[in-house]
Amino acid sequence: MKIFLFDPEYDYELEDYDASLEEAIEAFYDLPDVKGTFFGLFDNDNRFVQFAWNAQDEWLIDIPSDSFETTEKSFQLYGSYDKCIKIINTLFEDTTVSQLQLQIENKILFKDNDEF
């Protein structure tokens, strides 16, 4: 799966890197906790999910939703490192971005007690 990221501390950008699940998780955890940091990955339909650092153990998760009624808008939520890793793992299981959004909306991916 292809990943992309930006590390503002080192002004380092990585685009379209074909990574394994382990490499993707390691790259995500290695990013600094500073404003401007982001990480993303593309699904098999070339649609992406992006994680932007917001605060200590809090990431803004942006999931495009152009296949839904909210054409050309996105589905956004906040999540911890653990929530982000769960989403990354799910996408590496050949889940599409559209399926991911449905899993989150229907509380399939995160149970009721997994609050954001």
PDB file of N, CA and C in Angstrom:
ATOM      1  N   MET A   1       0.844  -1.163   0.000  1.00  0.00           N
ATOM      2  CA  MET A   1       0.000   0.000   0.000  1.00  0.00           C
ATOM      3  C   MET A   1       0.899   1.239   0.000  1.00  0.00           C
ATOM      4  N   LYS A   2       0.468   2.256  -0.678  1.00  0.00           N
ATOM      5  CA  LYS A   2       1.265   3.483  -0.771  1.00  0.00           C
ATOM      6  C   LYS A   2       0.944   4.413   0.390  1.00  0.00           C
ATOM      7  N   ILE A   3       2.012   4.985   0.980  1.00  0.00           N
ATOM      8  CA  ILE A   3       1.851   5.936   2.064  1.00  0.00           C
ATOM      9  C   ILE A   3       2.480   7.266   1.666  1.00  0.00           C
ATOM     10  N   PHE A   4       2.090   8.298   2.375  1.00  0.00           N
ATOM     11  CA  PHE A   4       2.724   9.603   2.229  1.00  0.00           C
ATOM     12  C   PHE A   4       2.757  10.239   3.610  1.00  0.00           C
ATOM     13  N   LEU A   5       3.704  11.152   3.813  1.00  0.00           N
ATOM     14  CA  LEU A   5       3.827  11.789   5.121  1.00  0.00           C
ATOM     15  C   LEU A   5       4.603  13.089   5.001  1.00  0.00           C
ATOM     16  N   PHE A   6       4.499  13.900   6.047  1.00  0.00           N
ATOM     17  CA  PHE A   6       5.296  15.115   6.137  1.00  0.00           C
ATOM     18  C   PHE A   6       5.735  15.293   7.579  1.00  0.00           C
ATOM     19  N   ASP A   7       7.047  15.472   7.768  1.00  0.00           N
ATOM     20  CA  ASP A   7       7.664  15.722   9.064  1.00  0.00           C
ATOM     21  C   ASP A   7       8.166  17.165   9.057  1.00  0.00           C
ATOM     22  N   PRO A   8       7.452  18.103   9.703  1.00  0.00           N
ATOM     23  CA  PRO A   8       7.857  19.505   9.656  1.00  0.00           C
ATOM     24  C   PRO A   8       9.136  19.809  10.428  1.00  0.00           C
ATOM     25  N   GLU A   9       9.506  18.969  11.386  1.00  0.00           N
ATOM     26  CA  GLU A   9      10.750  19.204  12.129  1.00  0.00           C
ATOM     27  C   GLU A   9      11.960  19.111  11.215  1.00  0.00           C
ATOM     28  N   TYR A  10      11.936  18.184  10.286  1.00  0.00           N
ATOM     29  CA  TYR A  10      13.052  17.986   9.361  1.00  0.00           C
ATOM     30  C   TYR A  10      12.717  18.449   7.950  1.00  0.00           C
ATOM     31  N   ASP A  11      11.538  19.039   7.774  1.00  0.00           N
ATOM     32  CA  ASP A  11      11.061  19.459   6.463  1.00  0.00           C
ATOM     33  C   ASP A  11      11.210  18.303   5.472  1.00  0.00           C
ATOM     34  N   TYR A  12      10.762  17.130   5.924  1.00  0.00           N
ATOM     35  CA  TYR A  12      10.892  15.901   5.140  1.00  0.00           C
ATOM     36  C   TYR A  12       9.519  15.448   4.655  1.00  0.00           C
ATOM     37  N   GLU A  13       9.422  15.190   3.360  1.00  0.00           N
ATOM     38  CA  GLU A  13       8.177  14.719   2.765  1.00  0.00           C
ATOM     39  C   GLU A  13       8.430  13.409   2.038  1.00  0.00           C
ATOM     40  N   LEU A  14       7.507  12.479   2.192  1.00  0.00           N
ATOM     41  CA  LEU A  14       7.567  11.197   1.506  1.00  0.00           C
ATOM     42  C   LEU A  14       6.271  11.045   0.739  1.00  0.00           C
ATOM     43  N   GLU A  15       6.376  10.757  -0.555  1.00  0.00           N
ATOM     44  CA  GLU A  15       5.182  10.622  -1.390  1.00  0.00           C
ATOM     45  C   GLU A  15       5.161   9.261  -2.066  1.00  0.00           C
ATOM     46  N   ASP A  16       4.002   8.665  -2.113  1.00  0.00           N
ATOM     47  CA  ASP A  16       3.771   7.423  -2.867  1.00  0.00           C
ATOM     48  C   ASP A  16       4.800   6.338  -2.598  1.00  0.00           C
ATOM     49  N   TYR A  17       5.127   6.126  -1.326  1.00  0.00           N
ATOM     50  CA  TYR A  17       6.054   5.067  -0.962  1.00  0.00           C
ATOM     51  C   TYR A  17       5.274   3.771  -0.747  1.00  0.00           C
ATOM     52  N   ASP A  18       5.657   2.710  -1.451  1.00  0.00           N
ATOM     53  CA  ASP A  18       5.000   1.419  -1.338  1.00  0.00           C
ATOM     54  C   ASP A  18       5.514   0.739  -0.070  1.00  0.00           C
ATOM     55  N   ALA A  19       4.670   0.697   0.966  1.00  0.00           N
ATOM     56  CA  ALA A  19       5.102   0.213   2.275  1.00  0.00           C
ATOM     57  C   ALA A  19       4.330  -1.026   2.704  1.00  0.00           C
ATOM     58  N   SER A  20       4.979  -1.825   3.527  1.00  0.00           N
ATOM     59  CA  SER A  20       4.303  -2.941   4.187  1.00  0.00           C
ATOM     60  C   SER A  20       3.554  -2.367   5.394  1.00  0.00           C
ATOM     61  N   LEU A  21       2.715  -3.170   6.012  1.00  0.00           N
ATOM     62  CA  LEU A  21       1.995  -2.731   7.198  1.00  0.00           C
ATOM     63  C   LEU A  21       2.971  -2.310   8.292  1.00  0.00           C
ATOM     64  N   GLU A  22       4.002  -3.098   8.503  1.00  0.00           N
ATOM     65  CA  GLU A  22       4.981  -2.798   9.548  1.00  0.00           C
ATOM     66  C   GLU A  22       5.708  -1.486   9.257  1.00  0.00           C
ATOM     67  N   GLU A  23       6.086  -1.263   8.010  1.00  0.00           N
ATOM     68  CA  GLU A  23       6.756  -0.008   7.645  1.00  0.00           C
ATOM     69  C   GLU A  23       5.826   1.189   7.830  1.00  0.00           C
ATOM     70  N   ALA A  24       4.562   1.024   7.483  1.00  0.00           N
ATOM     71  CA  ALA A  24       3.596   2.114   7.624  1.00  0.00           C
ATOM     72  C   ALA A  24       3.409   2.488   9.093  1.00  0.00           C
ATOM     73  N   ILE A  25       3.254   1.489   9.944  1.00  0.00           N
ATOM     74  CA  ILE A  25       3.074   1.751  11.373  1.00  0.00           C
ATOM     75  C   ILE A  25       4.323   2.395  11.960  1.00  0.00           C
ATOM     76  N   GLU A  26       5.492   1.894  11.595  1.00  0.00           N
ATOM     77  CA  GLU A  26       6.740   2.474  12.090  1.00  0.00           C
ATOM     78  C   GLU A  26       6.886   3.928  11.640  1.00  0.00           C
ATOM     79  N   ALA A  27       6.582   4.209  10.388  1.00  0.00           N
ATOM     80  CA  ALA A  27       6.667   5.584   9.873  1.00  0.00           C
ATOM     81  C   ALA A  27       5.698   6.493  10.613  1.00  0.00           C
ATOM     82  N   PHE A  28       4.489   6.006  10.875  1.00  0.00           N
ATOM     83  CA  PHE A  28       3.496   6.801  11.597  1.00  0.00           C
ATOM     84  C   PHE A  28       3.984   7.119  13.007  1.00  0.00           C
ATOM     85  N   TYR A  29       4.450   6.103  13.738  1.00  0.00           N
ATOM     86  CA  TYR A  29       4.925   6.316  15.108  1.00  0.00           C
ATOM     87  C   TYR A  29       6.182   7.182  15.178  1.00  0.00           C
ATOM     88  N   ASP A  30       6.982   7.206  14.117  1.00  0.00           N
ATOM     89  CA  ASP A  30       8.216   7.999  14.113  1.00  0.00           C
ATOM     90  C   ASP A  30       7.983   9.490  13.863  1.00  0.00           C
ATOM     91  N   LEU A  31       6.775   9.867  13.467  1.00  0.00           N
ATOM     92  CA  LEU A  31       6.504  11.279  13.195  1.00  0.00           C
ATOM     93  C   LEU A  31       6.483  12.087  14.486  1.00  0.00           C
ATOM     94  N   PRO A  32       6.910  13.339  14.419  1.00  0.00           N
ATOM     95  CA  PRO A  32       6.935  14.174  15.632  1.00  0.00           C
ATOM     96  C   PRO A  32       5.540  14.663  16.014  1.00  0.00           C
ATOM     97  N   ASP A  33       5.374  14.979  17.270  1.00  0.00           N
ATOM     98  CA  ASP A  33       4.119  15.533  17.771  1.00  0.00           C
ATOM     99  C   ASP A  33       4.171  17.054  17.673  1.00  0.00           C
ATOM    100  N   VAL A  34       4.076  17.553  16.442  1.00  0.00           N
ATOM    101  CA  VAL A  34       4.105  18.995  16.213  1.00  0.00           C
ATOM    102  C   VAL A  34       3.100  19.362  15.134  1.00  0.00           C
ATOM    103  N   LYS A  35       2.644  20.608  15.197  1.00  0.00           N
ATOM    104  CA  LYS A  35       1.691  21.100  14.204  1.00  0.00           C
ATOM    105  C   LYS A  35       2.294  20.977  12.803  1.00  0.00           C
ATOM    106  N   GLY A  36       1.488  20.564  11.853  1.00  0.00           N
ATOM    107  CA  GLY A  36       1.928  20.415  10.470  1.00  0.00           C
ATOM    108  C   GLY A  36       2.310  18.999  10.096  1.00  0.00           C
ATOM    109  N   THR A  37       2.391  18.103  11.087  1.00  0.00           N
ATOM    110  CA  THR A  37       2.719  16.703  10.828  1.00  0.00           C
ATOM    111  C   THR A  37       1.496  15.995  10.250  1.00  0.00           C
ATOM    112  N   PHE A  38       1.724  15.232   9.183  1.00  0.00           N
ATOM    113  CA  PHE A  38       0.618  14.416   8.665  1.00  0.00           C
ATOM    114  C   PHE A  38       1.137  13.121   8.077  1.00  0.00           C
ATOM    115  N   PHE A  39       0.218  12.166   7.975  1.00  0.00           N
ATOM    116  CA  PHE A  39       0.496  10.832   7.456  1.00  0.00           C
ATOM    117  C   PHE A  39      -0.742  10.391   6.692  1.00  0.00           C
ATOM    118  N   GLY A  40      -0.545   9.677   5.602  1.00  0.00           N
ATOM    119  CA  GLY A  40      -1.692   9.186   4.862  1.00  0.00           C
ATOM    120  C   GLY A  40      -1.370   7.925   4.101  1.00  0.00           C
ATOM    121  N   LEU A  41      -2.430   7.271   3.653  1.00  0.00           N
ATOM    122  CA  LEU A  41      -2.250   6.090   2.824  1.00  0.00           C
ATOM    123  C   LEU A  41      -3.388   5.984   1.829  1.00  0.00           C
ATOM    124  N   PHE A  42      -3.075   5.351   0.700  1.00  0.00           N
ATOM    125  CA  PHE A  42      -4.016   5.168  -0.392  1.00  0.00           C
ATOM    126  C   PHE A  42      -4.596   3.759  -0.341  1.00  0.00           C
ATOM    127  N   ASP A  43      -5.893   3.642  -0.634  1.00  0.00           N
ATOM    128  CA  ASP A  43      -6.491   2.315  -0.743  1.00  0.00           C
ATOM    129  C   ASP A  43      -6.270   1.782  -2.159  1.00  0.00           C
ATOM    130  N   ASN A  44      -6.837   0.625  -2.451  1.00  0.00           N
ATOM    131  CA  ASN A  44      -6.655   0.018  -3.780  1.00  0.00           C
ATOM    132  C   ASN A  44      -7.379   0.765  -4.881  1.00  0.00           C
ATOM    133  N   ASP A  45      -8.315   1.669  -4.517  1.00  0.00           N
ATOM    134  CA  ASP A  45      -9.024   2.488  -5.491  1.00  0.00           C
ATOM    135  C   ASP A  45      -8.360   3.857  -5.652  1.00  0.00           C
ATOM    136  N   ASN A  46      -7.165   3.994  -5.099  1.00  0.00           N
ATOM    137  CA  ASN A  46      -6.370   5.231  -5.160  1.00  0.00           C
ATOM    138  C   ASN A  46      -7.046   6.392  -4.419  1.00  0.00           C
ATOM    139  N   ARG A  47      -7.819   6.066  -3.397  1.00  0.00           N
ATOM    140  CA  ARG A  47      -8.404   7.077  -2.515  1.00  0.00           C
ATOM    141  C   ARG A  47      -7.606   7.037  -1.230  1.00  0.00           C
ATOM    142  N   PHE A  48      -7.509   8.150  -0.534  1.00  0.00           N
ATOM    143  CA  PHE A  48      -6.636   8.194   0.623  1.00  0.00           C
ATOM    144  C   PHE A  48      -7.349   8.586   1.905  1.00  0.00           C
ATOM    145  N   VAL A  49      -6.716   8.202   3.019  1.00  0.00           N
ATOM    146  CA  VAL A  49      -7.087   8.634   4.360  1.00  0.00           C
ATOM    147  C   VAL A  49      -5.881   9.381   4.885  1.00  0.00           C
ATOM    148  N   GLN A  50      -6.126  10.539   5.504  1.00  0.00           N
ATOM    149  CA  GLN A  50      -5.018  11.336   6.026  1.00  0.00           C
ATOM    150  C   GLN A  50      -5.208  11.566   7.520  1.00  0.00           C
ATOM    151  N   PHE A  51      -4.097  11.501   8.252  1.00  0.00           N
ATOM    152  CA  PHE A  51      -4.063  11.738   9.683  1.00  0.00           C
ATOM    153  C   PHE A  51      -3.196  12.976   9.913  1.00  0.00           C
ATOM    154  N   ALA A  52      -3.746  14.012  10.534  1.00  0.00           N
ATOM    155  CA  ALA A  52      -2.996  15.237  10.813  1.00  0.00           C
ATOM    156  C   ALA A  52      -2.894  15.403  12.326  1.00  0.00           C
ATOM    157  N   TRP A  53      -1.659  15.599  12.819  1.00  0.00           N
ATOM    158  CA  TRP A  53      -1.471  15.756  14.255  1.00  0.00           C
ATOM    159  C   TRP A  53      -2.198  17.003  14.731  1.00  0.00           C
ATOM    160  N   ASN A  54      -2.918  16.862  15.847  1.00  0.00           N
ATOM    161  CA  ASN A  54      -3.670  17.984  16.392  1.00  0.00           C
ATOM    162  C   ASN A  54      -3.199  18.363  17.792  1.00  0.00           C
ATOM    163  N   ALA A  55      -3.011  17.372  18.656  1.00  0.00           N
ATOM    164  CA  ALA A  55      -2.591  17.591  20.037  1.00  0.00           C
ATOM    165  C   ALA A  55      -2.001  16.278  20.550  1.00  0.00           C
ATOM    166  N   GLN A  56      -1.508  16.287  21.776  1.00  0.00           N
ATOM    167  CA  GLN A  56      -0.922  15.089  22.360  1.00  0.00           C
ATOM    168  C   GLN A  56      -1.880  13.912  22.239  1.00  0.00           C
ATOM    169  N   ASP A  57      -1.463  12.870  21.538  1.00  0.00           N
ATOM    170  CA  ASP A  57      -2.244  11.654  21.300  1.00  0.00           C
ATOM    171  C   ASP A  57      -3.616  11.945  20.696  1.00  0.00           C
ATOM    172  N   GLU A  58      -3.675  12.964  19.824  1.00  0.00           N
ATOM    173  CA  GLU A  58      -4.921  13.283  19.134  1.00  0.00           C
ATOM    174  C   GLU A  58      -4.617  13.666  17.696  1.00  0.00           C
ATOM    175  N   TRP A  59      -5.211  12.935  16.777  1.00  0.00           N
ATOM    176  CA  TRP A  59      -5.035  13.152  15.344  1.00  0.00           C
ATOM    177  C   TRP A  59      -6.382  13.451  14.708  1.00  0.00           C
ATOM    178  N   LEU A  60      -6.395  14.374  13.760  1.00  0.00           N
ATOM    179  CA  LEU A  60      -7.579  14.620  12.952  1.00  0.00           C
ATOM    180  C   LEU A  60      -7.516  13.631  11.795  1.00  0.00           C
ATOM    181  N   ILE A  61      -8.547  12.798  11.690  1.00  0.00           N
ATOM    182  CA  ILE A  61      -8.597  11.760  10.662  1.00  0.00           C
ATOM    183  C   ILE A  61      -9.555  12.234   9.583  1.00  0.00           C
ATOM    184  N   ASP A  62      -9.060  12.331   8.359  1.00  0.00           N
ATOM    185  CA  ASP A  62      -9.839  12.830   7.235  1.00  0.00           C
ATOM    186  C   ASP A  62     -10.060  11.686   6.254  1.00  0.00           C
ATOM    187  N   ILE A  63     -11.346  11.344   6.051  1.00  0.00           N
ATOM    188  CA  ILE A  63     -11.716  10.249   5.161  1.00  0.00           C
ATOM    189  C   ILE A  63     -12.594  10.820   4.059  1.00  0.00           C
ATOM    190  N   PRO A  64     -12.100  10.923   2.830  1.00  0.00           N
ATOM    191  CA  PRO A  64     -12.932  11.457   1.748  1.00  0.00           C
ATOM    192  C   PRO A  64     -14.200  10.631   1.569  1.00  0.00           C
ATOM    193  N   SER A  65     -15.279  11.293   1.220  1.00  0.00           N
ATOM    194  CA  SER A  65     -16.546  10.576   1.099  1.00  0.00           C
ATOM    195  C   SER A  65     -17.287  10.939  -0.180  1.00  0.00           C
ATOM    196  N   ASP A  66     -16.585  11.056  -1.290  1.00  0.00           N
ATOM    197  CA  ASP A  66     -17.239  11.473  -2.525  1.00  0.00           C
ATOM    198  C   ASP A  66     -18.176  10.409  -3.101  1.00  0.00           C
ATOM    199  N   SER A  67     -18.190   9.239  -2.533  1.00  0.00           N
ATOM    200  CA  SER A  67     -19.111   8.220  -3.026  1.00  0.00           C
ATOM    201  C   SER A  67     -20.429   8.231  -2.247  1.00  0.00           C
ATOM    202  N   PHE A  68     -20.538   9.149  -1.294  1.00  0.00           N
ATOM    203  CA  PHE A  68     -21.741   9.246  -0.481  1.00  0.00           C
ATOM    204  C   PHE A  68     -22.541  10.480  -0.876  1.00  0.00           C
ATOM    205  N   GLU A  69     -23.626  10.731  -0.171  1.00  0.00           N
ATOM    206  CA  GLU A  69     -24.471  11.889  -0.450  1.00  0.00           C
ATOM    207  C   GLU A  69     -23.712  13.202  -0.276  1.00  0.00           C
ATOM    208  N   THR A  70     -22.682  13.214   0.522  1.00  0.00           N
ATOM    209  CA  THR A  70     -21.908  14.427   0.773  1.00  0.00           C
ATOM    210  C   THR A  70     -20.820  14.560  -0.281  1.00  0.00           C
ATOM    211  N   THR A  71     -21.200  14.589  -1.524  1.00  0.00           N
ATOM    212  CA  THR A  71     -20.264  14.606  -2.642  1.00  0.00           C
ATOM    213  C   THR A  71     -19.183  15.655  -2.461  1.00  0.00           C
ATOM    214  N   GLU A  72     -17.947  15.213  -2.682  1.00  0.00           N
ATOM    215  CA  GLU A  72     -16.748  16.049  -2.632  1.00  0.00           C
ATOM    216  C   GLU A  72     -16.513  16.664  -1.259  1.00  0.00           C
ATOM    217  N   LYS A  73     -17.028  16.063  -0.217  1.00  0.00           N
ATOM    218  CA  LYS A  73     -16.747  16.481   1.150  1.00  0.00           C
ATOM    219  C   LYS A  73     -16.003  15.341   1.816  1.00  0.00           C
ATOM    220  N   SER A  74     -15.719  15.509   3.087  1.00  0.00           N
ATOM    221  CA  SER A  74     -15.016  14.438   3.779  1.00  0.00           C
ATOM    222  C   SER A  74     -15.668  14.161   5.126  1.00  0.00           C
ATOM    223  N   PHE A  75     -15.353  13.012   5.625  1.00  0.00           N
ATOM    224  CA  PHE A  75     -15.802  12.546   6.927  1.00  0.00           C
ATOM    225  C   PHE A  75     -14.611  12.749   7.846  1.00  0.00           C
ATOM    226  N   GLN A  76     -14.764  13.525   8.922  1.00  0.00           N
ATOM    227  CA  GLN A  76     -13.646  13.804   9.808  1.00  0.00           C
ATOM    228  C   GLN A  76     -13.987  13.421  11.236  1.00  0.00           C
ATOM    229  N   LEU A  77     -12.977  12.937  11.938  1.00  0.00           N
ATOM    230  CA  LEU A  77     -13.112  12.606  13.342  1.00  0.00           C
ATOM    231  C   LEU A  77     -11.738  12.707  13.984  1.00  0.00           C
ATOM    232  N   TYR A  78     -11.728  12.784  15.302  1.00  0.00           N
ATOM    233  CA  TYR A  78     -10.476  12.808  16.035  1.00  0.00           C
ATOM    234  C   TYR A  78     -10.232  11.435  16.634  1.00  0.00           C
ATOM    235  N   GLY A  79      -8.965  11.054  16.688  1.00  0.00           N
ATOM    236  CA  GLY A  79      -8.633   9.765  17.260  1.00  0.00           C
ATOM    237  C   GLY A  79      -7.241   9.737  17.864  1.00  0.00           C
ATOM    238  N   SER A  80      -7.047   8.819  18.783  1.00  0.00           N
ATOM    239  CA  SER A  80      -5.749   8.604  19.424  1.00  0.00           C
ATOM    240  C   SER A  80      -4.826   7.826  18.482  1.00  0.00           C
ATOM    241  N   TYR A  81      -3.580   7.641  18.919  1.00  0.00           N
ATOM    242  CA  TYR A  81      -2.659   6.801  18.140  1.00  0.00           C
ATOM    243  C   TYR A  81      -3.270   5.428  17.923  1.00  0.00           C
ATOM    244  N   ASP A  82      -3.867   4.853  18.968  1.00  0.00           N
ATOM    245  CA  ASP A  82      -4.441   3.512  18.856  1.00  0.00           C
ATOM    246  C   ASP A  82      -5.554   3.458  17.814  1.00  0.00           C
ATOM    247  N   LYS A  83      -6.410   4.468  17.784  1.00  0.00           N
ATOM    248  CA  LYS A  83      -7.490   4.509  16.787  1.00  0.00           C
ATOM    249  C   LYS A  83      -6.905   4.608  15.377  1.00  0.00           C
ATOM    250  N   CYS A  84      -5.879   5.431  15.227  1.00  0.00           N
ATOM    251  CA  CYS A  84      -5.238   5.575  13.918  1.00  0.00           C
ATOM    252  C   CYS A  84      -4.621   4.262  13.464  1.00  0.00           C
ATOM    253  N   ILE A  85      -3.955   3.571  14.373  1.00  0.00           N
ATOM    254  CA  ILE A  85      -3.344   2.276  14.031  1.00  0.00           C
ATOM    255  C   ILE A  85      -4.422   1.271  13.648  1.00  0.00           C
ATOM    256  N   LYS A  86      -5.566   1.312  14.311  1.00  0.00           N
ATOM    257  CA  LYS A  86      -6.662   0.401  13.961  1.00  0.00           C
ATOM    258  C   LYS A  86      -7.154   0.681  12.543  1.00  0.00           C
ATOM    259  N   ILE A  87      -7.245   1.958  12.175  1.00  0.00           N
ATOM    260  CA  ILE A  87      -7.664   2.322  10.818  1.00  0.00           C
ATOM    261  C   ILE A  87      -6.614   1.883   9.802  1.00  0.00           C
ATOM    262  N   ILE A  88      -5.338   2.106  10.102  1.00  0.00           N
ATOM    263  CA  ILE A  88      -4.257   1.693   9.195  1.00  0.00           C
ATOM    264  C   ILE A  88      -4.316   0.189   8.977  1.00  0.00           C
ATOM    265  N   ASN A  89      -4.450  -0.575  10.062  1.00  0.00           N
ATOM    266  CA  ASN A  89      -4.563  -2.036   9.950  1.00  0.00           C
ATOM    267  C   ASN A  89      -5.752  -2.436   9.092  1.00  0.00           C
ATOM    268  N   THR A  90      -6.869  -1.779   9.288  1.00  0.00           N
ATOM    269  CA  THR A  90      -8.089  -2.100   8.533  1.00  0.00           C
ATOM    270  C   THR A  90      -7.885  -1.854   7.044  1.00  0.00           C
ATOM    271  N   LEU A  91      -7.250  -0.752   6.696  1.00  0.00           N
ATOM    272  CA  LEU A  91      -7.015  -0.462   5.281  1.00  0.00           C
ATOM    273  C   LEU A  91      -6.038  -1.451   4.653  1.00  0.00           C
ATOM    274  N   PHE A  92      -5.096  -1.956   5.429  1.00  0.00           N
ATOM    275  CA  PHE A  92      -4.167  -2.954   4.894  1.00  0.00           C
ATOM    276  C   PHE A  92      -4.839  -4.309   4.697  1.00  0.00           C
ATOM    277  N   GLU A  93      -6.048  -4.472   5.233  1.00  0.00           N
ATOM    278  CA  GLU A  93      -6.805  -5.711   5.038  1.00  0.00           C
ATOM    279  C   GLU A  93      -7.673  -5.624   3.786  1.00  0.00           C
ATOM    280  N   ASP A  94      -7.292  -4.777   2.824  1.00  0.00           N
ATOM    281  CA  ASP A  94      -8.019  -4.587   1.560  1.00  0.00           C
ATOM    282  C   ASP A  94      -9.394  -3.956   1.747  1.00  0.00           C
ATOM    283  N   THR A  95      -9.552  -3.176   2.788  1.00  0.00           N
ATOM    284  CA  THR A  95     -10.774  -2.406   2.984  1.00  0.00           C
ATOM    285  C   THR A  95     -10.638  -1.114   2.191  1.00  0.00           C
ATOM    286  N   THR A  96     -11.674  -0.731   1.485  1.00  0.00           N
ATOM    287  CA  THR A  96     -11.622   0.527   0.739  1.00  0.00           C
ATOM    288  C   THR A  96     -11.968   1.686   1.675  1.00  0.00           C
ATOM    289  N   VAL A  97     -11.659   2.896   1.245  1.00  0.00           N
ATOM    290  CA  VAL A  97     -11.981   4.089   2.024  1.00  0.00           C
ATOM    291  C   VAL A  97     -13.490   4.169   2.250  1.00  0.00           C
ATOM    292  N   SER A  98     -14.281   3.873   1.238  1.00  0.00           N
ATOM    293  CA  SER A  98     -15.737   3.901   1.372  1.00  0.00           C
ATOM    294  C   SER A  98     -16.218   2.885   2.409  1.00  0.00           C
ATOM    295  N   GLN A  99     -15.662   1.683   2.387  1.00  0.00           N
ATOM    296  CA  GLN A  99     -16.031   0.664   3.367  1.00  0.00           C
ATOM    297  C   GLN A  99     -15.611   1.083   4.775  1.00  0.00           C
ATOM    298  N   LEU A 100     -14.462   1.731   4.882  1.00  0.00           N
ATOM    299  CA  LEU A 100     -13.962   2.194   6.174  1.00  0.00           C
ATOM    300  C   LEU A 100     -14.937   3.185   6.797  1.00  0.00           C
ATOM    301  N   GLN A 101     -15.405   4.146   6.016  1.00  0.00           N
ATOM    302  CA  GLN A 101     -16.336   5.128   6.548  1.00  0.00           C
ATOM    303  C   GLN A 101     -17.616   4.448   7.042  1.00  0.00           C
ATOM    304  N   LEU A 102     -18.133   3.507   6.276  1.00  0.00           N
ATOM    305  CA  LEU A 102     -19.336   2.788   6.686  1.00  0.00           C
ATOM    306  C   LEU A 102     -19.105   2.001   7.981  1.00  0.00           C
ATOM    307  N   GLN A 103     -17.934   1.393   8.115  1.00  0.00           N
ATOM    308  CA  GLN A 103     -17.611   0.648   9.335  1.00  0.00           C
ATOM    309  C   GLN A 103     -17.588   1.567  10.547  1.00  0.00           C
ATOM    310  N   ILE A 104     -17.049   2.777  10.383  1.00  0.00           N
ATOM    311  CA  ILE A 104     -16.992   3.724  11.491  1.00  0.00           C
ATOM    312  C   ILE A 104     -18.386   4.251  11.808  1.00  0.00           C
ATOM    313  N   GLU A 105     -19.137   4.657  10.778  1.00  0.00           N
ATOM    314  CA  GLU A 105     -20.485   5.188  10.993  1.00  0.00           C
ATOM    315  C   GLU A 105     -21.402   4.166  11.654  1.00  0.00           C
ATOM    316  N   ASN A 106     -21.269   2.914  11.285  1.00  0.00           N
ATOM    317  CA  ASN A 106     -22.126   1.855  11.823  1.00  0.00           C
ATOM    318  C   ASN A 106     -21.547   1.201  13.077  1.00  0.00           C
ATOM    319  N   LYS A 107     -20.476   1.788  13.606  1.00  0.00           N
ATOM    320  CA  LYS A 107     -19.819   1.300  14.832  1.00  0.00           C
ATOM    321  C   LYS A 107     -19.370  -0.154  14.725  1.00  0.00           C
ATOM    322  N   ILE A 108     -18.963  -0.551  13.517  1.00  0.00           N
ATOM    323  CA  ILE A 108     -18.423  -1.892  13.318  1.00  0.00           C
ATOM    324  C   ILE A 108     -16.935  -1.896  13.661  1.00  0.00           C
ATOM    325  N   LEU A 109     -16.229  -0.851  13.219  1.00  0.00           N
ATOM    326  CA  LEU A 109     -14.783  -0.786  13.466  1.00  0.00           C
ATOM    327  C   LEU A 109     -14.496  -0.425  14.916  1.00  0.00           C
ATOM    328  N   PHE A 110     -15.226   0.536  15.460  1.00  0.00           N
ATOM    329  CA  PHE A 110     -15.044   0.953  16.844  1.00  0.00           C
ATOM    330  C   PHE A 110     -16.330   0.673  17.603  1.00  0.00           C
ATOM    331  N   LYS A 111     -16.217  -0.053  18.677  1.00  0.00           N
ATOM    332  CA  LYS A 111     -17.387  -0.382  19.488  1.00  0.00           C
ATOM    333  C   LYS A 111     -17.856   0.868  20.242  1.00  0.00           C
ATOM    334  N   ASP A 112     -19.039   0.802  20.828  1.00  0.00           N
ATOM    335  CA  ASP A 112     -19.609   1.934  21.561  1.00  0.00           C
ATOM    336  C   ASP A 112     -18.699   2.449  22.667  1.00  0.00           C
ATOM    337  N   ASN A 113     -17.941   1.564  23.303  1.00  0.00           N
ATOM    338  CA  ASN A 113     -17.074   2.001  24.389  1.00  0.00           C
ATOM    339  C   ASN A 113     -15.752   2.577  23.901  1.00  0.00           C
ATOM    340  N   ASP A 114     -15.502   2.554  22.595  1.00  0.00           N
ATOM    341  CA  ASP A 114     -14.292   3.154  22.011  1.00  0.00           C
ATOM    342  C   ASP A 114     -14.594   4.595  21.630  1.00  0.00           C
ATOM    343  N   GLU A 115     -14.727   5.460  22.610  1.00  0.00           N
ATOM    344  CA  GLU A 115     -15.098   6.850  22.339  1.00  0.00           C
ATOM    345  C   GLU A 115     -13.941   7.623  21.728  1.00  0.00           C
ATOM    346  N   PHE A 116     -14.309   8.646  20.967  1.00  0.00           N
ATOM    347  CA  PHE A 116     -13.305   9.560  20.411  1.00  0.00           C
ATOM    348  C   PHE A 116     -13.248  10.786  21.269  1.00  0.00           C
TER     349      PHE A 116
END
